């Protein structure tokens, strides 16, 4: 298995992984049904602007895990922040080795965020789906809880 940053032309490789994530977590997460075309367009634009990266665990052109994120200028400070938009490992790869691969994905993303001039990384998680070991990873990596997000569908 290889860890690589996707290019724009490789975005279709994400489809199976993203669909698996949505199926596992449920459509309520997105307040709607997955539009894979819109998803790929978001990443195309982020890549074109140099404001996004998608690092994947590639098993013979089968993406079995990935971490995607962006950088943006904070509205309050105008400092660059990095934001994790997607982080998923397929159930078949989870466990000890999945944790090792996740950490490698994370290190690659964090290095990219630093290169972009980000002063911090923001990452959210699904309360009902985050195992304790992921919370432990955040804490060991220096993250502190910052806020809770509430959602109301309109």
N, C-alpha and C. Protein backbone atom coordinates (compact mmCIF):
# COMPACT_ATOMS: atom_id res chain seq x y z
N UNK A 1 0.85 -1.18 0.00
CA UNK A 1 0.00 0.00 0.00
C UNK A 1 0.89 1.24 0.00
N UNK A 2 0.42 2.24 -0.73
CA UNK A 2 1.18 3.48 -0.83
C UNK A 2 0.34 4.65 -0.33
N UNK A 3 1.02 5.61 0.25
CA UNK A 3 0.38 6.86 0.65
C UNK A 3 0.81 7.92 -0.35
N UNK A 4 -0.17 8.50 -1.04
CA UNK A 4 0.12 9.48 -2.07
C UNK A 4 -0.88 10.63 -2.00
N UNK A 5 -0.45 11.79 -2.45
CA UNK A 5 -1.35 12.93 -2.61
C UNK A 5 -1.94 12.84 -4.01
N UNK A 6 -3.26 12.89 -4.08
CA UNK A 6 -3.92 12.79 -5.38
C UNK A 6 -3.69 14.04 -6.21
N UNK A 7 -3.73 13.85 -7.52
CA UNK A 7 -3.74 14.96 -8.45
C UNK A 7 -5.18 15.15 -8.93
N UNK A 8 -5.41 16.23 -9.63
CA UNK A 8 -6.76 16.52 -10.12
C UNK A 8 -7.30 15.39 -10.99
N UNK A 9 -6.47 14.84 -11.86
CA UNK A 9 -6.95 13.79 -12.76
C UNK A 9 -7.24 12.48 -12.03
N UNK A 10 -6.73 12.32 -10.81
CA UNK A 10 -6.96 11.10 -10.04
C UNK A 10 -8.18 11.19 -9.13
N UNK A 11 -8.88 12.32 -9.12
CA UNK A 11 -10.03 12.49 -8.24
C UNK A 11 -11.07 11.38 -8.35
N UNK A 12 -11.36 10.84 -9.54
CA UNK A 12 -12.35 9.75 -9.62
C UNK A 12 -11.99 8.53 -8.77
N UNK A 13 -10.72 8.37 -8.41
CA UNK A 13 -10.33 7.24 -7.55
C UNK A 13 -10.99 7.34 -6.16
N UNK A 14 -11.43 8.54 -5.78
CA UNK A 14 -12.05 8.74 -4.47
C UNK A 14 -13.48 8.21 -4.37
N UNK A 15 -14.13 8.04 -5.48
CA UNK A 15 -15.57 7.76 -5.48
C UNK A 15 -15.98 6.62 -4.55
N UNK A 16 -15.35 5.49 -4.67
CA UNK A 16 -15.72 4.32 -3.85
C UNK A 16 -15.51 4.61 -2.37
N UNK A 17 -14.39 5.22 -2.02
CA UNK A 17 -14.07 5.51 -0.62
C UNK A 17 -15.06 6.51 -0.03
N UNK A 18 -15.36 7.56 -0.76
CA UNK A 18 -16.29 8.58 -0.28
C UNK A 18 -17.69 7.99 -0.12
N UNK A 19 -18.12 7.20 -1.08
CA UNK A 19 -19.44 6.56 -0.99
C UNK A 19 -19.51 5.63 0.21
N UNK A 20 -18.45 4.89 0.48
CA UNK A 20 -18.43 4.00 1.65
C UNK A 20 -18.56 4.81 2.94
N UNK A 21 -17.85 5.91 3.01
CA UNK A 21 -17.91 6.78 4.19
C UNK A 21 -19.33 7.28 4.42
N UNK A 22 -19.96 7.75 3.35
CA UNK A 22 -21.32 8.30 3.46
C UNK A 22 -22.29 7.20 3.88
N UNK A 23 -22.15 6.03 3.31
CA UNK A 23 -23.05 4.92 3.66
C UNK A 23 -22.89 4.56 5.13
N UNK A 24 -21.66 4.56 5.61
CA UNK A 24 -21.40 4.20 7.00
C UNK A 24 -21.91 5.25 7.98
N UNK A 25 -21.77 6.51 7.61
CA UNK A 25 -22.11 7.59 8.54
C UNK A 25 -23.54 8.10 8.38
N UNK A 26 -24.14 7.87 7.25
CA UNK A 26 -25.51 8.29 7.03
C UNK A 26 -25.60 9.65 6.34
N UNK A 27 -26.69 9.82 5.59
CA UNK A 27 -26.87 11.04 4.82
C UNK A 27 -27.14 12.26 5.69
N UNK A 28 -27.60 12.06 6.93
CA UNK A 28 -27.87 13.22 7.79
C UNK A 28 -26.62 14.06 8.00
N UNK A 29 -25.46 13.43 7.89
CA UNK A 29 -24.20 14.14 8.08
C UNK A 29 -24.09 15.30 7.10
N UNK A 30 -24.61 15.09 5.90
CA UNK A 30 -24.47 16.11 4.85
C UNK A 30 -25.75 16.90 4.64
N UNK A 31 -26.79 16.59 5.38
CA UNK A 31 -28.08 17.24 5.19
C UNK A 31 -28.56 17.06 3.75
N UNK A 32 -28.32 15.89 3.20
CA UNK A 32 -28.75 15.59 1.84
C UNK A 32 -28.05 14.38 1.29
N UNK A 33 -28.24 14.15 0.02
CA UNK A 33 -27.69 13.00 -0.67
C UNK A 33 -26.35 13.40 -1.30
N UNK A 34 -25.38 12.50 -1.26
CA UNK A 34 -24.07 12.75 -1.84
C UNK A 34 -24.19 13.08 -3.33
N UNK A 35 -23.59 14.18 -3.73
CA UNK A 35 -23.46 14.56 -5.13
C UNK A 35 -21.97 14.44 -5.45
N UNK A 36 -21.56 13.30 -5.98
CA UNK A 36 -20.14 13.04 -6.20
C UNK A 36 -19.53 14.02 -7.19
N UNK A 37 -20.32 14.49 -8.15
CA UNK A 37 -19.82 15.49 -9.09
C UNK A 37 -19.47 16.80 -8.39
N UNK A 38 -20.34 17.24 -7.50
CA UNK A 38 -20.07 18.47 -6.74
C UNK A 38 -18.88 18.27 -5.82
N UNK A 39 -18.77 17.07 -5.25
CA UNK A 39 -17.65 16.76 -4.36
C UNK A 39 -16.33 16.85 -5.11
N UNK A 40 -16.28 16.23 -6.28
CA UNK A 40 -15.05 16.27 -7.08
C UNK A 40 -14.74 17.69 -7.53
N UNK A 41 -15.77 18.46 -7.85
CA UNK A 41 -15.55 19.85 -8.28
C UNK A 41 -14.98 20.69 -7.14
N UNK A 42 -15.45 20.47 -5.91
CA UNK A 42 -14.89 21.17 -4.75
C UNK A 42 -13.38 20.94 -4.70
N UNK A 43 -12.96 19.68 -4.83
CA UNK A 43 -11.54 19.36 -4.76
C UNK A 43 -10.77 19.89 -5.95
N UNK A 44 -11.39 19.86 -7.15
CA UNK A 44 -10.72 20.42 -8.33
C UNK A 44 -10.38 21.89 -8.10
N UNK A 45 -11.34 22.63 -7.61
CA UNK A 45 -11.15 24.07 -7.35
C UNK A 45 -10.08 24.26 -6.27
N UNK A 46 -10.16 23.49 -5.20
CA UNK A 46 -9.16 23.62 -4.12
C UNK A 46 -7.76 23.31 -4.64
N UNK A 47 -7.63 22.26 -5.45
CA UNK A 47 -6.32 21.92 -6.02
C UNK A 47 -5.81 23.04 -6.92
N UNK A 48 -6.70 23.55 -7.79
CA UNK A 48 -6.32 24.60 -8.73
C UNK A 48 -5.83 25.85 -8.01
N UNK A 49 -6.46 26.18 -6.90
CA UNK A 49 -6.08 27.36 -6.12
C UNK A 49 -4.90 27.11 -5.18
N UNK A 50 -4.44 25.87 -5.13
CA UNK A 50 -3.35 25.53 -4.21
C UNK A 50 -3.80 25.54 -2.77
N UNK A 51 -5.11 25.39 -2.55
CA UNK A 51 -5.68 25.49 -1.21
C UNK A 51 -6.20 24.17 -0.69
N UNK A 52 -5.84 23.06 -1.33
CA UNK A 52 -6.33 21.78 -0.87
C UNK A 52 -5.38 20.65 -1.19
N UNK A 53 -5.50 19.61 -0.40
CA UNK A 53 -4.73 18.37 -0.62
C UNK A 53 -5.60 17.20 -0.20
N UNK A 54 -5.48 16.11 -0.92
CA UNK A 54 -6.16 14.87 -0.55
C UNK A 54 -5.12 13.76 -0.57
N UNK A 55 -4.77 13.28 0.61
CA UNK A 55 -3.77 12.23 0.76
C UNK A 55 -4.52 10.91 0.94
N UNK A 56 -4.12 9.90 0.17
CA UNK A 56 -4.86 8.64 0.22
C UNK A 56 -3.95 7.45 0.47
N UNK A 57 -4.57 6.40 0.98
CA UNK A 57 -3.94 5.10 1.11
C UNK A 57 -4.40 4.32 -0.12
N UNK A 58 -3.47 4.08 -1.02
CA UNK A 58 -3.78 3.49 -2.31
C UNK A 58 -3.31 2.04 -2.34
N UNK A 59 -4.25 1.14 -2.58
CA UNK A 59 -3.96 -0.29 -2.68
C UNK A 59 -4.27 -0.72 -4.10
N UNK A 60 -3.26 -0.66 -4.99
CA UNK A 60 -3.44 -1.02 -6.41
C UNK A 60 -4.59 -0.25 -7.06
N UNK A 61 -4.56 1.06 -6.94
CA UNK A 61 -5.57 1.98 -7.48
C UNK A 61 -6.94 1.83 -6.82
N UNK A 62 -6.97 1.23 -5.66
CA UNK A 62 -8.19 1.18 -4.84
C UNK A 62 -7.91 2.03 -3.61
N UNK A 63 -8.60 3.14 -3.48
CA UNK A 63 -8.41 4.03 -2.33
C UNK A 63 -9.15 3.43 -1.14
N UNK A 64 -8.41 3.01 -0.12
CA UNK A 64 -9.02 2.37 1.05
C UNK A 64 -8.99 3.29 2.28
N UNK A 65 -8.49 4.48 2.11
CA UNK A 65 -8.49 5.47 3.18
C UNK A 65 -8.00 6.79 2.64
N UNK A 66 -8.37 7.85 3.34
CA UNK A 66 -7.92 9.15 2.87
C UNK A 66 -8.15 10.25 3.87
N UNK A 67 -7.39 11.31 3.68
CA UNK A 67 -7.53 12.51 4.50
C UNK A 67 -7.41 13.70 3.55
N UNK A 68 -8.46 14.49 3.51
CA UNK A 68 -8.47 15.66 2.65
C UNK A 68 -8.67 16.92 3.46
N UNK A 69 -7.98 17.97 3.08
CA UNK A 69 -8.13 19.22 3.81
C UNK A 69 -7.81 20.43 2.97
N UNK A 70 -8.14 21.57 3.53
CA UNK A 70 -7.95 22.84 2.84
C UNK A 70 -7.26 23.83 3.78
N UNK A 71 -6.82 24.94 3.20
CA UNK A 71 -6.35 26.08 4.00
C UNK A 71 -7.20 27.28 3.61
N UNK A 72 -7.40 28.15 4.56
CA UNK A 72 -8.19 29.36 4.33
C UNK A 72 -7.72 30.44 5.30
N UNK A 73 -8.00 31.67 4.98
CA UNK A 73 -7.66 32.77 5.87
C UNK A 73 -8.79 32.98 6.87
N UNK A 74 -8.45 32.93 8.14
CA UNK A 74 -9.45 33.10 9.20
C UNK A 74 -10.06 34.48 9.11
N UNK A 75 -11.37 34.55 9.25
CA UNK A 75 -12.09 35.81 9.13
C UNK A 75 -11.73 36.81 10.24
N UNK A 76 -11.31 36.32 11.40
CA UNK A 76 -11.01 37.20 12.53
C UNK A 76 -9.57 37.68 12.56
N UNK A 77 -8.65 36.86 12.10
CA UNK A 77 -7.23 37.19 12.24
C UNK A 77 -6.48 37.31 10.92
N UNK A 78 -7.08 36.84 9.83
CA UNK A 78 -6.47 36.78 8.52
C UNK A 78 -5.26 35.85 8.48
N UNK A 79 -5.10 35.03 9.51
CA UNK A 79 -4.03 34.02 9.52
C UNK A 79 -4.58 32.77 8.84
N UNK A 80 -3.67 32.02 8.23
CA UNK A 80 -4.09 30.79 7.56
C UNK A 80 -4.39 29.70 8.57
N UNK A 81 -5.52 29.04 8.37
CA UNK A 81 -5.92 27.87 9.15
C UNK A 81 -6.06 26.70 8.19
N UNK A 82 -5.74 25.52 8.65
CA UNK A 82 -6.00 24.31 7.87
C UNK A 82 -7.25 23.65 8.45
N UNK A 83 -8.02 23.02 7.60
CA UNK A 83 -9.26 22.37 8.01
C UNK A 83 -9.32 20.98 7.40
N UNK A 84 -9.49 19.97 8.24
CA UNK A 84 -9.70 18.61 7.75
C UNK A 84 -11.15 18.50 7.31
N UNK A 85 -11.34 18.17 6.04
CA UNK A 85 -12.68 18.07 5.47
C UNK A 85 -13.13 16.61 5.41
N UNK A 86 -12.18 15.71 5.27
CA UNK A 86 -12.51 14.28 5.10
C UNK A 86 -11.39 13.46 5.71
N UNK A 87 -11.78 12.48 6.54
CA UNK A 87 -10.80 11.54 7.10
C UNK A 87 -11.52 10.23 7.30
N UNK A 88 -11.12 9.21 6.56
CA UNK A 88 -11.84 7.94 6.60
C UNK A 88 -10.90 6.80 6.27
N UNK A 89 -11.06 5.70 6.98
CA UNK A 89 -10.37 4.45 6.68
C UNK A 89 -11.45 3.39 6.51
N UNK A 90 -11.37 2.60 5.45
CA UNK A 90 -12.38 1.57 5.24
C UNK A 90 -12.31 0.55 6.38
N UNK A 91 -13.44 -0.05 6.73
CA UNK A 91 -13.46 -1.02 7.83
C UNK A 91 -12.43 -2.14 7.67
N UNK A 92 -12.15 -2.54 6.44
CA UNK A 92 -11.21 -3.64 6.21
C UNK A 92 -9.78 -3.29 6.63
N UNK A 93 -9.45 -2.00 6.72
CA UNK A 93 -8.08 -1.59 7.02
C UNK A 93 -7.95 -1.05 8.45
N UNK A 94 -9.05 -0.91 9.15
CA UNK A 94 -9.00 -0.36 10.51
C UNK A 94 -8.30 -1.31 11.47
N UNK A 95 -8.03 -0.82 12.66
CA UNK A 95 -7.31 -1.61 13.64
C UNK A 95 -5.89 -1.11 13.73
N UNK A 96 -5.00 -1.96 14.20
CA UNK A 96 -3.61 -1.55 14.43
C UNK A 96 -2.97 -0.96 13.17
N UNK A 97 -3.01 -1.72 12.06
CA UNK A 97 -2.37 -1.22 10.84
C UNK A 97 -3.09 0.00 10.29
N UNK A 98 -4.41 0.01 10.41
CA UNK A 98 -5.16 1.19 9.99
C UNK A 98 -4.75 2.43 10.76
N UNK A 99 -4.49 2.25 12.05
CA UNK A 99 -4.03 3.37 12.87
C UNK A 99 -2.67 3.88 12.43
N UNK A 100 -1.79 2.95 12.07
CA UNK A 100 -0.47 3.36 11.57
C UNK A 100 -0.60 4.11 10.25
N UNK A 101 -1.46 3.61 9.36
CA UNK A 101 -1.66 4.29 8.08
C UNK A 101 -2.32 5.66 8.30
N UNK A 102 -3.30 5.72 9.21
CA UNK A 102 -3.95 7.01 9.51
C UNK A 102 -2.94 8.03 10.00
N UNK A 103 -2.04 7.60 10.87
CA UNK A 103 -1.02 8.52 11.39
C UNK A 103 -0.11 9.01 10.27
N UNK A 104 0.20 8.14 9.31
CA UNK A 104 1.03 8.57 8.18
C UNK A 104 0.29 9.55 7.28
N UNK A 105 -1.01 9.31 7.06
CA UNK A 105 -1.81 10.27 6.30
C UNK A 105 -1.80 11.62 7.01
N UNK A 106 -2.00 11.56 8.33
CA UNK A 106 -2.05 12.78 9.13
C UNK A 106 -0.75 13.57 9.03
N UNK A 107 0.39 12.87 9.18
CA UNK A 107 1.68 13.56 9.12
C UNK A 107 1.89 14.24 7.77
N UNK A 108 1.48 13.59 6.71
CA UNK A 108 1.62 14.18 5.37
C UNK A 108 0.73 15.43 5.26
N UNK A 109 -0.49 15.35 5.79
CA UNK A 109 -1.38 16.52 5.75
C UNK A 109 -0.82 17.65 6.60
N UNK A 110 -0.36 17.33 7.79
CA UNK A 110 0.17 18.36 8.69
C UNK A 110 1.40 19.04 8.07
N UNK A 111 2.26 18.28 7.43
CA UNK A 111 3.44 18.86 6.77
C UNK A 111 2.99 19.82 5.67
N UNK A 112 1.99 19.41 4.89
CA UNK A 112 1.46 20.28 3.83
C UNK A 112 0.89 21.56 4.43
N UNK A 113 0.12 21.44 5.52
CA UNK A 113 -0.48 22.62 6.15
C UNK A 113 0.61 23.60 6.60
N UNK A 114 1.67 23.07 7.20
CA UNK A 114 2.79 23.93 7.61
C UNK A 114 3.40 24.64 6.39
N UNK A 115 3.60 23.89 5.31
CA UNK A 115 4.17 24.48 4.08
C UNK A 115 3.30 25.60 3.54
N UNK A 116 1.99 25.49 3.76
CA UNK A 116 1.06 26.52 3.28
C UNK A 116 1.03 27.74 4.20
N UNK A 117 1.70 27.64 5.36
CA UNK A 117 1.73 28.76 6.30
C UNK A 117 0.62 28.74 7.33
N UNK A 118 -0.07 27.61 7.47
CA UNK A 118 -1.16 27.51 8.45
C UNK A 118 -0.59 27.61 9.87
N UNK A 119 -1.33 28.31 10.74
CA UNK A 119 -0.92 28.44 12.14
C UNK A 119 -1.61 27.40 13.02
N UNK A 120 -2.62 26.72 12.48
CA UNK A 120 -3.32 25.69 13.24
C UNK A 120 -4.07 24.77 12.29
N UNK A 121 -4.50 23.64 12.82
CA UNK A 121 -5.36 22.71 12.09
C UNK A 121 -6.64 22.54 12.89
N UNK A 122 -7.76 22.67 12.21
CA UNK A 122 -9.06 22.41 12.81
C UNK A 122 -9.59 21.10 12.24
N UNK A 123 -10.11 20.26 13.11
CA UNK A 123 -10.64 18.98 12.68
C UNK A 123 -11.87 18.65 13.52
N UNK A 124 -12.93 18.26 12.86
CA UNK A 124 -14.16 17.88 13.55
C UNK A 124 -14.33 16.37 13.42
N UNK A 125 -15.21 15.82 14.21
CA UNK A 125 -15.49 14.40 14.12
C UNK A 125 -16.96 14.18 14.43
N UNK A 126 -17.47 13.04 14.01
CA UNK A 126 -18.86 12.67 14.27
C UNK A 126 -18.94 12.08 15.67
N UNK A 127 -19.66 12.72 16.56
CA UNK A 127 -19.74 12.28 17.96
C UNK A 127 -20.12 10.81 18.10
N UNK A 128 -21.06 10.36 17.29
CA UNK A 128 -21.56 9.00 17.48
C UNK A 128 -20.69 7.94 16.80
N UNK A 129 -19.71 8.38 16.02
CA UNK A 129 -18.91 7.38 15.31
C UNK A 129 -17.43 7.40 15.68
N UNK A 130 -16.99 8.33 16.53
CA UNK A 130 -15.56 8.40 16.83
C UNK A 130 -15.19 7.44 17.94
N UNK A 131 -14.32 6.47 17.62
CA UNK A 131 -13.88 5.57 18.68
C UNK A 131 -12.92 6.28 19.64
N UNK A 132 -12.82 5.81 20.88
CA UNK A 132 -11.94 6.43 21.86
C UNK A 132 -10.49 6.56 21.39
N UNK A 133 -10.02 5.62 20.58
CA UNK A 133 -8.61 5.71 20.15
C UNK A 133 -8.39 6.92 19.25
N UNK A 134 -9.41 7.37 18.51
CA UNK A 134 -9.26 8.57 17.68
C UNK A 134 -9.18 9.80 18.59
N UNK A 135 -10.00 9.83 19.61
CA UNK A 135 -9.92 10.92 20.57
C UNK A 135 -8.52 10.94 21.21
N UNK A 136 -8.00 9.78 21.55
CA UNK A 136 -6.66 9.68 22.10
C UNK A 136 -5.61 10.21 21.14
N UNK A 137 -5.79 9.92 19.85
CA UNK A 137 -4.86 10.42 18.83
C UNK A 137 -4.86 11.94 18.84
N UNK A 138 -6.06 12.54 18.85
CA UNK A 138 -6.14 14.00 18.87
C UNK A 138 -5.41 14.56 20.09
N UNK A 139 -5.67 14.00 21.25
CA UNK A 139 -5.06 14.51 22.48
C UNK A 139 -3.54 14.34 22.46
N UNK A 140 -3.06 13.18 22.03
CA UNK A 140 -1.60 12.96 21.94
C UNK A 140 -0.95 13.89 20.93
N UNK A 141 -1.70 14.30 19.92
CA UNK A 141 -1.16 15.16 18.86
C UNK A 141 -1.24 16.64 19.21
N UNK A 142 -1.74 16.96 20.40
CA UNK A 142 -1.76 18.36 20.84
C UNK A 142 -3.04 19.11 20.58
N UNK A 143 -4.09 18.41 20.15
CA UNK A 143 -5.38 19.07 19.92
C UNK A 143 -6.08 19.31 21.25
N UNK A 144 -6.85 20.38 21.30
CA UNK A 144 -7.71 20.70 22.44
C UNK A 144 -9.13 20.90 21.92
N UNK A 145 -10.14 20.43 22.66
CA UNK A 145 -11.52 20.67 22.23
C UNK A 145 -11.77 22.17 22.13
N UNK A 146 -12.46 22.58 21.06
CA UNK A 146 -12.65 24.01 20.82
C UNK A 146 -14.12 24.41 20.84
N UNK A 147 -14.95 23.67 20.13
CA UNK A 147 -16.36 24.05 20.06
C UNK A 147 -17.21 22.84 19.70
N UNK A 148 -18.50 22.99 19.85
CA UNK A 148 -19.47 21.99 19.43
C UNK A 148 -20.32 22.61 18.34
N UNK A 149 -20.61 21.86 17.32
CA UNK A 149 -21.42 22.37 16.21
C UNK A 149 -22.81 21.75 16.30
N UNK A 150 -23.83 22.59 16.26
CA UNK A 150 -25.22 22.13 16.21
C UNK A 150 -25.75 22.34 14.82
N UNK A 151 -26.69 21.50 14.40
CA UNK A 151 -27.27 21.64 13.06
C UNK A 151 -28.78 21.55 13.15
N UNK A 152 -29.44 22.42 12.39
CA UNK A 152 -30.88 22.37 12.22
C UNK A 152 -31.16 22.32 10.73
N UNK A 153 -31.88 21.29 10.29
CA UNK A 153 -32.23 21.20 8.87
C UNK A 153 -33.35 22.17 8.56
N UNK A 154 -33.23 22.81 7.43
CA UNK A 154 -34.26 23.77 6.98
C UNK A 154 -34.98 23.24 5.77
